[in-house]
């Protein structure tokens, strides 16, 4: 067995590694074996199962299909995944089989695969339980004890290291992919306003025969100012994400009594010019005060990012923003009648560097809605989107008027 242990480190695909582990365990240490892992979403998934008797592998699979692993299952692996402590059952008597069954068919399958002695050991790496290896003997004269447990734990330790390395490699590859994609998008987005400003200025400098008129100078300056504003927004997005990570994922808050309706009325003013450019009328419904304990500056960011998103994808159709209060919760709604979001993209529009559509026609870094979500969550609230392709999107923010829970605060 120990001569083959290098197989555990031979692959960066961890399911392959765990199938190799099952092949090491069976038949040397066990008649049968199955391996479960904890996925990133917290669910338990079976990645390998093997029986020394190929004819009985069907029974092992049938047992899995009838009783798939989950956190409520009475299986040995569930307890090990929860506690991180190995379990050894030297002798599986009929009473034990009956205790661990969920029905008569499960008990029959346990007898068929040959469950006379069993043990389950955790896969632990860097203090985290990644999974569990469950194995058993079919020989009534063979029982597991301390020596078998020691061998199983050593194999599990090596396999866990290989699994952890494979996951780290996968995460590193994904991080590199995201970084390269971001650099590509950032380079394009930062060059675009610079190129527009250069063209505006060069247009004035080339006028050698006759001086530029006041109107031409004004137009060039207006273009330059607009592109500077665009650059500023891009830089602000990058700085916001940097601040979030600098505070271990938490957003610093300066809490005070704030009237959300008043903030909305003030925040829409800078968008008046944007409305004229996009020919998208903006309807504001924020008359009655809605007072709560929030961070005024962060609320302005949320409103600005949601409106920016609405005008960008609004296709020249009306945009509306409204504020209401229901049962101690403030509700901010921004609605557009634009291109909408494809159903497959709705679930990820609030993630970092994600966009509802291609950046070819719609620029920016894909950080605006991510920042909205992080701010809203820091304030103890939630944000959601309802969208129909071709009919527009409605973003709804709900904030407790009492402010965020005390345990989430990170005051500046």
Protein backbone atom coordinates (compact mmCIF):
# COMPACT_ATOMS: atom_id res chain seq x y z
CA UNK A 1 0.00 0.00 0.00
CA UNK A 2 2.70 2.46 0.98
CA UNK A 3 4.45 1.92 -2.34
CA UNK A 4 1.40 3.31 -4.13
CA UNK A 5 0.80 6.30 -1.87
CA UNK A 6 2.41 8.65 -4.39
CA UNK A 7 -0.71 8.21 -6.48
CA UNK A 8 -2.48 10.52 -4.04
CA UNK A 9 -0.34 13.46 -5.14
CA UNK A 10 -0.27 12.57 -8.83
CA UNK A 11 -3.29 14.65 -9.86
CA UNK A 12 -4.52 18.19 -9.34
CA UNK A 13 -8.07 16.96 -9.89
CA UNK A 14 -9.17 16.09 -6.37
CA UNK A 15 -11.98 13.66 -7.35
CA UNK A 16 -9.30 11.66 -9.19
CA UNK A 17 -7.14 11.80 -6.06
CA UNK A 18 -9.96 10.46 -3.90
CA UNK A 19 -10.76 7.68 -6.35
CA UNK A 20 -7.09 6.71 -6.09
CA UNK A 21 -7.47 6.69 -2.31
CA UNK A 22 -10.44 4.32 -2.57
CA UNK A 23 -8.36 2.02 -4.76
CA UNK A 24 -5.58 2.06 -2.16
CA UNK A 25 -7.94 1.21 0.68
CA UNK A 26 -9.71 -1.62 -1.20
CA UNK A 27 -8.92 -4.48 -0.88
CA UNK A 28 -5.83 -4.06 1.33
CA UNK A 29 -7.51 -2.32 4.26
CA UNK A 30 -11.19 -2.83 3.50
CA UNK A 31 -13.70 -4.77 1.43
CA UNK A 32 -15.54 -1.58 0.55
CA UNK A 33 -15.04 2.14 0.82
CA UNK A 34 -16.80 5.38 -0.02
CA UNK A 35 -15.60 8.95 0.27
CA UNK A 36 -17.66 12.10 0.87
CA UNK A 37 -16.50 15.71 0.61
CA UNK A 38 -17.93 19.01 1.83
CA UNK A 39 -18.48 21.32 -1.12
CA UNK A 40 -18.01 25.09 -0.98
CA UNK A 41 -21.77 25.56 -0.59
CA UNK A 42 -21.75 23.32 2.51
CA UNK A 43 -23.42 20.36 0.81
CA UNK A 44 -22.04 16.84 1.14
CA UNK A 45 -21.15 15.07 -2.09
CA UNK A 46 -19.98 11.50 -2.63
CA UNK A 47 -17.02 11.43 -4.98
CA UNK A 48 -15.80 7.83 -4.78
CA UNK A 49 -17.04 4.36 -3.89
CA UNK A 50 -15.43 0.97 -4.39
CA UNK A 51 -16.03 -2.68 -3.44
CA UNK A 52 -13.55 -5.55 -3.64
CA UNK A 53 -16.28 -7.66 -5.26
CA UNK A 54 -17.35 -5.92 -8.50
CA UNK A 55 -20.70 -7.70 -8.30
CA UNK A 56 -21.43 -5.89 -5.04
CA UNK A 57 -20.53 -2.41 -6.26
CA UNK A 58 -24.10 -2.15 -7.53
CA UNK A 59 -25.33 -2.64 -3.96
CA UNK A 60 -22.93 0.06 -2.77
CA UNK A 61 -24.26 2.48 -5.40
CA UNK A 62 -27.85 1.51 -4.61
CA UNK A 63 -27.18 2.28 -0.96
CA UNK A 64 -25.91 5.72 -1.93
CA UNK A 65 -28.89 6.42 -4.19
CA UNK A 66 -31.33 5.28 -1.53
CA UNK A 67 -29.63 7.17 1.27
CA UNK A 68 -27.50 10.01 -0.16
CA UNK A 69 -25.20 11.73 2.32
CA UNK A 70 -26.55 14.81 4.08
CA UNK A 71 -26.19 16.49 7.45
CA UNK A 72 -29.19 14.65 8.92
CA UNK A 73 -28.13 11.16 7.85
CA UNK A 74 -27.27 8.58 10.55
CA UNK A 75 -24.27 7.44 8.50
CA UNK A 76 -20.88 7.18 10.16
CA UNK A 77 -19.49 9.79 7.79
CA UNK A 78 -21.98 12.44 8.91
CA UNK A 79 -20.77 12.33 12.50
CA UNK A 80 -17.15 12.42 11.38
CA UNK A 81 -17.78 15.38 9.05
CA UNK A 82 -19.43 17.22 11.92
CA UNK A 83 -16.89 16.45 14.65
CA UNK A 84 -13.68 15.90 12.71
CA UNK A 85 -13.05 12.88 14.94
CA UNK A 86 -12.65 9.31 13.58
CA UNK A 87 -15.14 6.61 14.53
CA UNK A 88 -14.39 2.88 14.75
CA UNK A 89 -17.02 0.16 15.04
CA UNK A 90 -15.08 -3.08 15.70
CA UNK A 91 -18.13 -5.26 15.23
CA UNK A 92 -21.31 -4.39 13.36
CA UNK A 93 -23.88 -6.62 15.02
CA UNK A 94 -27.40 -7.00 13.64
CA UNK A 95 -28.58 -4.55 16.29
CA UNK A 96 -26.12 -1.93 15.03
CA UNK A 97 -27.19 -2.51 11.43
CA UNK A 98 -30.82 -2.04 12.42
CA UNK A 99 -29.96 1.15 14.33
CA UNK A 100 -28.21 2.68 11.32
CA UNK A 101 -30.87 1.76 8.80
CA UNK A 102 -33.58 4.06 7.50
CA UNK A 103 -35.68 1.22 6.17
CA UNK A 104 -35.57 -2.52 5.59
CA UNK A 105 -34.10 -2.12 2.11
CA UNK A 106 -31.16 -0.14 3.48
CA UNK A 107 -30.51 -2.83 6.08
CA UNK A 108 -30.59 -5.46 3.32
CA UNK A 109 -28.06 -3.51 1.25
CA UNK A 110 -25.78 -3.16 4.27
CA UNK A 111 -25.84 -6.93 4.72
CA UNK A 112 -25.20 -7.48 1.01
CA UNK A 113 -22.08 -5.33 0.85
CA UNK A 114 -20.78 -7.10 3.95
CA UNK A 115 -20.72 -4.71 6.87
CA UNK A 116 -19.03 -6.60 9.73
CA UNK A 117 -16.63 -3.94 10.96
CA UNK A 118 -16.42 -0.31 9.89
CA UNK A 119 -14.62 2.95 10.50
CA UNK A 120 -14.73 6.49 9.20
CA UNK A 121 -11.82 8.94 9.30
CA UNK A 122 -11.87 12.66 8.45
CA UNK A 123 -9.94 14.37 5.68
CA UNK A 124 -8.41 17.34 7.48
CA UNK A 125 -6.11 20.01 6.05
CA UNK A 126 -5.07 23.29 7.70
CA UNK A 127 -7.50 22.62 10.54
CA UNK A 128 -10.53 22.25 8.26
CA UNK A 129 -12.52 19.08 7.68
CA UNK A 130 -12.74 18.59 3.92
CA UNK A 131 -14.43 15.21 3.86
CA UNK A 132 -14.54 11.71 5.30
CA UNK A 133 -13.46 8.22 4.25
CA UNK A 134 -15.75 5.39 5.35
CA UNK A 135 -14.65 1.78 4.98
CA UNK A 136 -15.68 -1.65 6.15
CA UNK A 137 -14.75 -5.32 6.21
CA UNK A 138 -16.79 -8.19 4.82
CA UNK A 139 -14.87 -10.89 6.70
CA UNK A 140 -16.60 -11.76 10.02
CA UNK A 141 -13.22 -12.74 11.48
CA UNK A 142 -11.63 -9.36 10.81
CA UNK A 143 -12.26 -6.35 13.03
CA UNK A 144 -10.80 -2.87 12.97
CA UNK A 145 -8.62 -1.73 15.84
CA UNK A 146 -5.97 0.88 16.67
CA UNK A 147 -3.43 -0.34 14.09
CA UNK A 148 -5.91 -0.22 11.21
CA UNK A 149 -7.11 3.19 12.37
CA UNK A 150 -3.54 4.52 12.34
CA UNK A 151 -3.03 3.37 8.76
CA UNK A 152 -6.35 4.84 7.65
CA UNK A 153 -5.60 8.18 9.33
CA UNK A 154 -2.20 8.42 7.64
CA UNK A 155 -3.72 7.74 4.23
CA UNK A 156 -6.48 10.25 4.94
CA UNK A 157 -3.93 12.86 6.02
CA UNK A 158 -1.98 12.52 2.78
CA UNK A 159 -5.13 12.52 0.68
CA UNK A 160 -6.41 15.62 2.48
CA UNK A 161 -3.17 17.45 1.71
CA UNK A 162 -3.52 16.50 -1.96
CA UNK A 163 -7.18 17.61 -2.02
CA UNK A 164 -6.31 20.91 -0.33
CA UNK A 165 -3.47 21.54 -2.78
CA UNK A 166 -5.76 20.76 -5.71
CA UNK A 167 -8.37 23.21 -4.44
CA UNK A 168 -5.74 25.87 -3.79
CA UNK A 169 -4.43 25.39 -7.31
CA UNK A 170 -7.94 25.65 -8.73
CA UNK A 171 -8.59 28.83 -6.72
CA UNK A 172 -5.27 30.29 -7.84
CA UNK A 173 -6.09 29.55 -11.47
CA UNK A 174 -9.50 31.17 -11.08
CA UNK A 175 -7.91 34.16 -9.38
CA UNK A 176 -5.46 34.54 -12.25
CA UNK A 177 -8.29 34.29 -14.77
CA UNK A 178 -10.30 36.97 -12.99
CA UNK A 179 -7.22 39.18 -12.66
CA UNK A 180 -6.36 38.90 -16.35
CA UNK A 181 -9.95 39.62 -17.31
CA UNK A 182 -10.04 42.61 -14.97
CA UNK A 183 -6.77 44.02 -16.30
CA UNK A 184 -8.10 43.73 -19.85
CA UNK A 185 -11.35 45.48 -18.97
CA UNK A 186 -9.62 48.10 -16.80
CA UNK A 187 -7.12 48.95 -19.54
CA UNK A 188 -9.93 49.46 -22.02
CA UNK A 189 -12.13 51.44 -19.64
CA UNK A 190 -9.35 53.76 -18.47
CA UNK A 191 -8.09 54.39 -22.01
CA UNK A 192 -11.52 55.30 -23.39
CA UNK A 193 -12.02 58.63 -21.53
CA UNK A 194 -8.36 59.51 -22.01
CA UNK A 195 -8.72 58.99 -25.77
CA UNK A 196 -11.87 61.14 -25.83
CA UNK A 197 -10.10 63.98 -23.99
CA UNK A 198 -7.09 63.74 -26.31
CA UNK A 199 -9.30 64.00 -29.39
CA UNK A 200 -11.11 67.04 -27.98
CA UNK A 201 -7.86 68.84 -27.17
CA UNK A 202 -6.16 67.86 -30.45
CA UNK A 203 -9.16 69.20 -32.33
CA UNK A 204 -8.49 72.64 -30.83
CA UNK A 205 -4.72 72.50 -31.35
CA UNK A 206 -5.05 71.67 -35.05
CA UNK A 207 -7.01 74.82 -35.79
CA UNK A 208 -4.01 76.81 -37.12
CA UNK A 209 -5.69 78.92 -39.78
CA UNK A 210 -8.53 80.26 -37.71
CA UNK A 211 -8.98 80.37 -33.94
CA UNK A 212 -11.58 78.16 -32.34
CA UNK A 213 -14.89 79.74 -31.55
CA UNK A 214 -16.22 80.03 -28.03
CA UNK A 215 -18.74 77.32 -28.87
CA UNK A 216 -16.01 74.92 -30.05
CA UNK A 217 -13.89 75.59 -26.98
CA UNK A 218 -16.91 75.11 -24.73
CA UNK A 219 -17.75 71.81 -26.43
CA UNK A 220 -14.17 70.56 -26.02
CA UNK A 221 -14.09 71.59 -22.37
CA UNK A 222 -17.47 69.98 -21.76
CA UNK A 223 -16.22 66.72 -23.33
CA UNK A 224 -13.07 66.85 -21.22
CA UNK A 225 -14.99 67.50 -18.01
CA UNK A 226 -17.40 64.65 -18.75
CA UNK A 227 -14.53 62.22 -19.36
CA UNK A 228 -12.78 63.38 -16.19
CA UNK A 229 -15.98 62.59 -14.29
CA UNK A 230 -16.00 59.15 -15.88
CA UNK A 231 -12.40 58.56 -14.86
CA UNK A 232 -13.22 59.69 -11.34
CA UNK A 233 -16.08 57.20 -11.10
CA UNK A 234 -13.85 54.37 -12.30
CA UNK A 235 -11.15 55.28 -9.78
CA UNK A 236 -13.71 55.58 -6.98
CA UNK A 237 -14.98 52.07 -7.73
CA UNK A 238 -11.47 50.67 -7.48
CA UNK A 239 -10.82 52.55 -4.24
CA UNK A 240 -14.09 51.31 -2.73
CA UNK A 241 -13.20 47.69 -3.41
CA UNK A 242 -9.71 48.31 -2.03
CA UNK A 243 -11.20 49.77 1.18
CA UNK A 244 -13.53 46.80 1.57
CA UNK A 245 -10.60 44.38 1.45
CA UNK A 246 -8.45 46.60 3.66
CA UNK A 247 -11.07 46.21 6.40
CA UNK A 248 -11.25 42.41 6.08
CA UNK A 249 -14.39 42.59 3.95
CA UNK A 250 -16.19 45.06 6.25
CA UNK A 251 -17.20 48.55 5.17
CA UNK A 252 -16.43 51.33 7.66
CA UNK A 253 -19.63 53.15 8.65
CA UNK A 254 -20.36 56.56 10.14
CA UNK A 255 -23.86 56.12 11.52
CA UNK A 256 -26.25 59.00 12.12
CA UNK A 257 -29.92 59.87 11.80
CA UNK A 258 -30.57 60.25 8.07
CA UNK A 259 -33.67 61.04 6.02
CA UNK A 260 -33.43 58.65 3.07
CA UNK A 261 -36.01 60.64 1.07
CA UNK A 262 -33.91 63.81 1.40
CA UNK A 263 -30.77 61.92 0.37
CA UNK A 264 -32.56 60.65 -2.74
CA UNK A 265 -33.74 64.13 -3.71
CA UNK A 266 -30.20 65.47 -3.41
CA UNK A 267 -28.52 62.46 -5.04
CA UNK A 268 -30.57 62.70 -8.24
CA UNK A 269 -29.42 66.27 -9.01
CA UNK A 270 -26.08 65.27 -10.60
CA UNK A 271 -28.03 62.99 -12.94
CA UNK A 272 -30.05 65.82 -14.54
CA UNK A 273 -27.45 66.24 -17.27
CA UNK A 274 -27.25 62.48 -17.71
CA UNK A 275 -31.03 62.45 -18.20
CA UNK A 276 -30.74 64.94 -21.03
CA UNK A 277 -27.97 62.95 -22.72
CA UNK A 278 -29.77 59.61 -22.52
CA UNK A 279 -33.20 61.14 -23.09
CA UNK A 280 -34.43 59.04 -20.18
CA UNK A 281 -36.88 60.97 -17.97
CA UNK A 282 -36.37 60.42 -14.25
CA UNK A 283 -39.39 60.17 -11.98
CA UNK A 284 -38.67 60.73 -8.28
CA UNK A 285 -41.11 59.65 -5.59
CA UNK A 286 -39.50 60.69 -2.31
CA UNK A 287 -41.76 63.21 -0.62
CA UNK A 288 -42.46 61.81 2.86
CA UNK A 289 -39.49 61.59 5.27
CA UNK A 290 -38.04 58.11 5.87
CA UNK A 291 -35.63 58.44 8.77
CA UNK A 292 -33.23 55.77 9.97
CA UNK A 293 -29.78 55.15 11.43
CA UNK A 294 -27.50 54.86 8.42
CA UNK A 295 -24.34 56.19 6.80
CA UNK A 296 -25.32 59.13 4.60
CA UNK A 297 -22.29 58.93 2.33
CA UNK A 298 -22.81 55.20 1.75
CA UNK A 299 -26.48 55.76 0.95
CA UNK A 300 -25.45 58.31 -1.67
CA UNK A 301 -23.16 55.68 -3.19
CA UNK A 302 -25.96 53.12 -3.32
CA UNK A 303 -28.34 55.58 -4.98
CA UNK A 304 -25.72 56.81 -7.46
CA UNK A 305 -24.67 53.30 -8.49
CA UNK A 306 -28.25 52.11 -8.95
CA UNK A 307 -29.18 55.19 -11.00
CA UNK A 308 -26.00 54.90 -13.03
CA UNK A 309 -26.90 51.30 -13.79
CA UNK A 310 -30.48 52.26 -14.71
CA UNK A 311 -29.45 54.99 -17.14
CA UNK A 312 -26.72 52.83 -18.66
CA UNK A 313 -29.09 49.97 -19.48
CA UNK A 314 -32.32 51.97 -19.65
CA UNK A 315 -32.32 52.21 -23.45
CA UNK A 316 -33.64 55.78 -23.31
CA UNK A 317 -36.78 54.72 -21.47
CA UNK A 318 -38.06 56.35 -18.23
CA UNK A 319 -36.28 55.63 -14.95
CA UNK A 320 -38.01 55.92 -11.59
CA UNK A 321 -36.74 55.99 -8.02
CA UNK A 322 -39.00 55.79 -4.98
CA UNK A 323 -38.73 55.62 -1.20
CA UNK A 324 -41.20 54.10 1.25
CA UNK A 325 -41.32 52.80 4.81
CA UNK A 326 -43.08 49.59 5.87
CA UNK A 327 -43.00 48.04 9.34
CA UNK A 328 -39.76 49.69 10.41
CA UNK A 329 -38.01 48.92 7.12
CA UNK A 330 -37.06 51.52 4.52
CA UNK A 331 -37.52 50.47 0.91
CA UNK A 332 -35.61 52.09 -1.94
CA UNK A 333 -36.66 51.08 -5.46
CA UNK A 334 -34.99 51.96 -8.76
CA UNK A 335 -36.80 50.84 -11.89
CA UNK A 336 -35.91 51.07 -15.56
CA UNK A 337 -37.60 49.85 -18.73
CA UNK A 338 -34.43 48.99 -20.59
CA UNK A 339 -32.80 45.86 -21.94
CA UNK A 340 -33.28 43.79 -18.78
CA UNK A 341 -31.04 41.01 -17.49
CA UNK A 342 -30.82 37.48 -18.95
CA UNK A 343 -32.19 34.93 -16.43
CA UNK A 344 -28.83 33.15 -16.28
CA UNK A 345 -27.14 36.38 -15.14
CA UNK A 346 -29.61 37.56 -12.50
CA UNK A 347 -28.06 35.50 -9.70
CA UNK A 348 -24.57 36.93 -10.18
CA UNK A 349 -25.08 40.63 -11.03
CA UNK A 350 -24.12 41.61 -7.46
CA UNK A 351 -20.80 39.75 -7.59
CA UNK A 352 -17.45 41.42 -8.10
CA UNK A 353 -16.40 42.01 -11.74
CA UNK A 354 -19.73 40.60 -12.95
CA UNK A 355 -21.86 42.29 -15.57
CA UNK A 356 -25.32 41.61 -16.86
CA UNK A 357 -24.18 42.04 -20.46
CA UNK A 358 -20.98 42.15 -22.48
CA UNK A 359 -18.57 45.04 -21.91
CA UNK A 360 -18.33 45.60 -25.65
CA UNK A 361 -21.34 47.92 -25.63
CA UNK A 362 -21.56 48.69 -21.89
CA UNK A 363 -18.35 49.56 -20.09
CA UNK A 364 -17.12 49.86 -16.49
CA UNK A 365 -15.52 47.30 -14.23
CA UNK A 366 -18.57 45.42 -13.05
CA UNK A 367 -18.09 46.76 -9.51
CA UNK A 368 -21.05 49.12 -9.08
CA UNK A 369 -23.67 46.57 -8.06
CA UNK A 370 -21.11 44.62 -6.03
CA UNK A 371 -20.43 47.79 -4.01
CA UNK A 372 -24.19 48.33 -3.62
CA UNK A 373 -24.61 44.85 -2.17
CA UNK A 374 -21.69 45.19 0.23
CA UNK A 375 -22.90 48.58 1.53
CA UNK A 376 -26.50 47.41 1.93
CA UNK A 377 -25.40 44.27 3.79
CA UNK A 378 -23.12 46.36 6.03
CA UNK A 379 -26.17 48.46 6.91
CA UNK A 380 -28.05 45.31 7.89
CA UNK A 381 -30.22 45.24 4.78
CA UNK A 382 -30.67 43.30 1.57
CA UNK A 383 -30.86 44.07 -2.14
CA UNK A 384 -32.57 42.11 -4.89
CA UNK A 385 -33.40 42.50 -8.56
CA UNK A 386 -36.41 41.47 -10.60
CA UNK A 387 -35.82 41.60 -14.33
CA UNK A 388 -37.38 40.61 -17.63
CA UNK A 389 -35.22 40.67 -20.77
CA UNK A 390 -36.43 43.46 -23.03
CA UNK A 391 -38.73 44.90 -20.38
CA UNK A 392 -36.34 46.34 -17.79
CA UNK A 393 -35.18 45.74 -14.24
CA UNK A 394 -36.31 46.71 -10.76
CA UNK A 395 -33.72 46.92 -7.98
CA UNK A 396 -35.11 46.94 -4.44
CA UNK A 397 -33.08 47.83 -1.35
CA UNK A 398 -34.50 47.17 2.11
CA UNK A 399 -32.84 48.71 5.17
CA UNK A 400 -33.87 48.40 8.83
CA UNK A 401 -34.61 51.89 10.10
CA UNK A 402 -33.02 50.95 13.43
CA UNK A 403 -29.69 50.56 11.68
CA UNK A 404 -27.39 47.54 11.35
CA UNK A 405 -26.93 45.04 14.20
CA UNK A 406 -24.24 46.18 16.61
CA UNK A 407 -22.03 43.17 15.84
CA UNK A 408 -21.65 44.25 12.19
CA UNK A 409 -20.45 47.78 12.91
CA UNK A 410 -16.96 48.92 12.03
CA UNK A 411 -17.03 52.64 12.70
CA UNK A 412 -14.42 54.94 11.29
